[in-house]
């Protein structure tokens, strides 16, 4: 269920008396805001732009949008997130898939969204065919991730 120790949960009850546990996503409430950032990032670069929470892609703009939106990220991206450092695909490196079952949509840049020391998600530039990112994509992802993290603090 991808629920870790310390993860916040929302608890609901149904009319039938069932109890439903749902993982709470701090950044999930920013879907529209994140979508606007993704749209701007995608138009400014040759890459698809995405924002994730800790498990799922919550906003996407560019090619592959339908294939990515709402999908669970790979365990490799979760590991990158936990490292709390920015990833950039290098030449001769095996690309990291964004979602399971898609070898064509890979991670070009991944910048963690940090809020008061906690990892909330990632800002991604997604490559459709292994194109390498430049310094511009690296700096854009870093800047947007920092902005989203600061926005969550307020």
Protein backbone atom coordinates (compact mmCIF):
# COMPACT_ATOMS: atom_id res chain seq x y z
CA UNK A 1 0.00 0.00 0.00
CA UNK A 2 3.11 2.21 -0.01
CA UNK A 3 2.41 3.56 3.47
CA UNK A 4 5.55 4.16 5.47
CA UNK A 5 6.00 4.68 9.19
CA UNK A 6 5.22 8.32 9.93
CA UNK A 7 3.15 8.93 6.76
CA UNK A 8 0.03 11.01 7.45
CA UNK A 9 -3.30 9.29 6.76
CA UNK A 10 -6.83 10.48 6.12
CA UNK A 11 -9.48 8.30 7.73
CA UNK A 12 -13.02 8.10 6.34
CA UNK A 13 -16.07 6.02 7.09
CA UNK A 14 -18.62 4.88 4.54
CA UNK A 15 -22.38 4.74 4.98
CA UNK A 16 -22.02 0.99 5.37
CA UNK A 17 -19.75 1.49 8.39
CA UNK A 18 -16.48 0.61 6.63
CA UNK A 19 -13.32 2.47 7.61
CA UNK A 20 -11.19 3.75 4.72
CA UNK A 21 -7.55 4.78 5.14
CA UNK A 22 -6.10 7.06 2.46
CA UNK A 23 -2.54 8.28 2.37
CA UNK A 24 -2.50 12.06 2.78
CA UNK A 25 -0.45 14.04 0.25
CA UNK A 26 0.59 17.53 1.30
CA UNK A 27 1.48 18.45 -2.26
CA UNK A 28 -1.61 16.77 -3.71
CA UNK A 29 -3.63 19.91 -2.90
CA UNK A 30 -1.46 21.87 -5.32
CA UNK A 31 -2.43 19.95 -8.45
CA UNK A 32 -3.73 22.99 -10.38
CA UNK A 33 -0.79 25.15 -9.29
CA UNK A 34 1.69 22.38 -10.19
CA UNK A 35 -0.02 21.88 -13.57
CA UNK A 36 0.57 25.55 -14.42
CA UNK A 37 4.26 25.17 -13.58
CA UNK A 38 4.47 22.03 -15.71
CA UNK A 39 2.85 23.80 -18.64
CA UNK A 40 5.36 26.65 -18.44
CA UNK A 41 8.33 24.29 -18.03
CA UNK A 42 7.24 22.11 -20.94
CA UNK A 43 6.83 25.11 -23.24
CA UNK A 44 10.25 26.45 -22.23
CA UNK A 45 12.12 23.21 -22.95
CA UNK A 46 12.06 20.17 -25.22
CA UNK A 47 10.93 17.94 -22.36
CA UNK A 48 7.72 16.81 -20.74
CA UNK A 49 7.48 18.34 -17.26
CA UNK A 50 5.89 16.60 -14.27
CA UNK A 51 5.39 17.07 -10.54
CA UNK A 52 4.94 14.13 -8.20
CA UNK A 53 4.01 13.60 -4.60
CA UNK A 54 5.85 10.78 -2.81
CA UNK A 55 4.07 8.08 -4.84
CA UNK A 56 2.16 9.44 -7.82
CA UNK A 57 2.46 11.90 -10.69
CA UNK A 58 0.04 14.72 -9.82
CA UNK A 59 0.67 17.12 -12.74
CA UNK A 60 2.10 16.73 -16.26
CA UNK A 61 2.47 18.79 -19.41
CA UNK A 62 3.89 17.67 -22.73
CA UNK A 63 3.97 14.41 -24.65
CA UNK A 64 3.01 11.33 -22.66
CA UNK A 65 0.63 13.30 -20.44
CA UNK A 66 -2.15 10.72 -20.60
CA UNK A 67 0.26 7.88 -20.01
CA UNK A 68 1.80 9.55 -16.92
CA UNK A 69 -0.87 11.51 -15.05
CA UNK A 70 -2.04 9.74 -11.91
CA UNK A 71 0.40 6.85 -12.32
CA UNK A 72 2.63 5.51 -9.58
CA UNK A 73 6.33 6.40 -9.89
CA UNK A 74 9.02 3.71 -9.99
CA UNK A 75 10.95 2.56 -6.94
CA UNK A 76 14.11 4.02 -8.55
CA UNK A 77 12.53 7.49 -8.43
CA UNK A 78 11.47 6.92 -4.83
CA UNK A 79 15.10 6.11 -4.00
CA UNK A 80 16.28 9.29 -5.76
CA UNK A 81 13.75 11.26 -3.74
CA UNK A 82 15.06 9.83 -0.47
CA UNK A 83 18.62 10.85 -1.41
CA UNK A 84 17.44 14.48 -1.43
CA UNK A 85 19.76 15.47 -4.25
CA UNK A 86 19.11 16.50 -7.83
CA UNK A 87 19.54 13.84 -10.50
CA UNK A 88 20.56 14.57 -14.08
CA UNK A 89 20.88 11.89 -16.76
CA UNK A 90 24.47 11.60 -17.96
CA UNK A 91 25.79 10.26 -21.29
CA UNK A 92 26.27 6.48 -21.35
CA UNK A 93 24.08 6.12 -18.24
CA UNK A 94 21.04 3.82 -18.22
CA UNK A 95 17.96 6.06 -17.98
CA UNK A 96 15.59 5.67 -15.02
CA UNK A 97 11.99 4.86 -16.03
CA UNK A 98 9.35 7.23 -14.67
CA UNK A 99 6.55 4.64 -14.42
CA UNK A 100 6.59 0.85 -14.46
CA UNK A 101 6.09 -0.71 -17.87
CA UNK A 102 7.34 2.26 -19.91
CA UNK A 103 10.94 2.13 -21.10
CA UNK A 104 10.46 5.10 -23.42
CA UNK A 105 9.44 7.69 -20.79
CA UNK A 106 12.56 8.16 -18.71
CA UNK A 107 13.90 10.64 -16.18
CA UNK A 108 16.13 13.38 -17.60
CA UNK A 109 16.16 15.51 -14.42
CA UNK A 110 14.62 14.90 -10.99
CA UNK A 111 14.68 17.57 -8.27
CA UNK A 112 13.25 16.80 -4.82
CA UNK A 113 10.64 19.13 -3.34
CA UNK A 114 11.75 19.73 0.25
CA UNK A 115 9.66 21.42 2.94
CA UNK A 116 11.14 21.87 6.40
CA UNK A 117 13.46 18.92 5.79
CA UNK A 118 10.73 16.56 4.56
CA UNK A 119 10.58 15.26 0.99
CA UNK A 120 7.16 15.98 -0.53
CA UNK A 121 7.76 14.91 -4.12
CA UNK A 122 9.77 15.61 -7.26
CA UNK A 123 9.91 18.02 -10.16
CA UNK A 124 10.74 15.96 -13.25
CA UNK A 125 11.83 16.53 -16.79
CA UNK A 126 10.81 13.44 -18.72
CA UNK A 127 12.55 12.30 -21.89
CA UNK A 128 10.74 10.44 -24.62
CA UNK A 129 13.66 8.75 -26.32
CA UNK A 130 16.70 9.29 -24.12
CA UNK A 131 17.52 12.92 -24.95
CA UNK A 132 20.02 14.45 -22.55
CA UNK A 133 19.12 17.52 -20.48
CA UNK A 134 21.25 20.62 -20.29
CA UNK A 135 22.10 23.02 -17.50
CA UNK A 136 18.90 24.96 -18.22
CA UNK A 137 16.65 22.01 -17.37
CA UNK A 138 18.73 21.22 -14.28
CA UNK A 139 18.44 24.79 -12.97
CA UNK A 140 14.74 25.08 -13.85
CA UNK A 141 13.87 21.86 -12.01
CA UNK A 142 15.95 22.96 -9.00
CA UNK A 143 14.29 26.40 -8.92
CA UNK A 144 10.72 25.12 -9.25
CA UNK A 145 11.30 22.41 -6.61
CA UNK A 146 12.67 25.02 -4.20
CA UNK A 147 9.74 27.34 -4.92
CA UNK A 148 7.13 24.61 -4.35
CA UNK A 149 8.86 23.61 -1.11
CA UNK A 150 8.85 27.21 0.16
CA UNK A 151 5.22 27.60 -0.92
CA UNK A 152 4.27 24.59 1.20
CA UNK A 153 5.91 26.16 4.27
CA UNK A 154 3.54 29.13 4.16
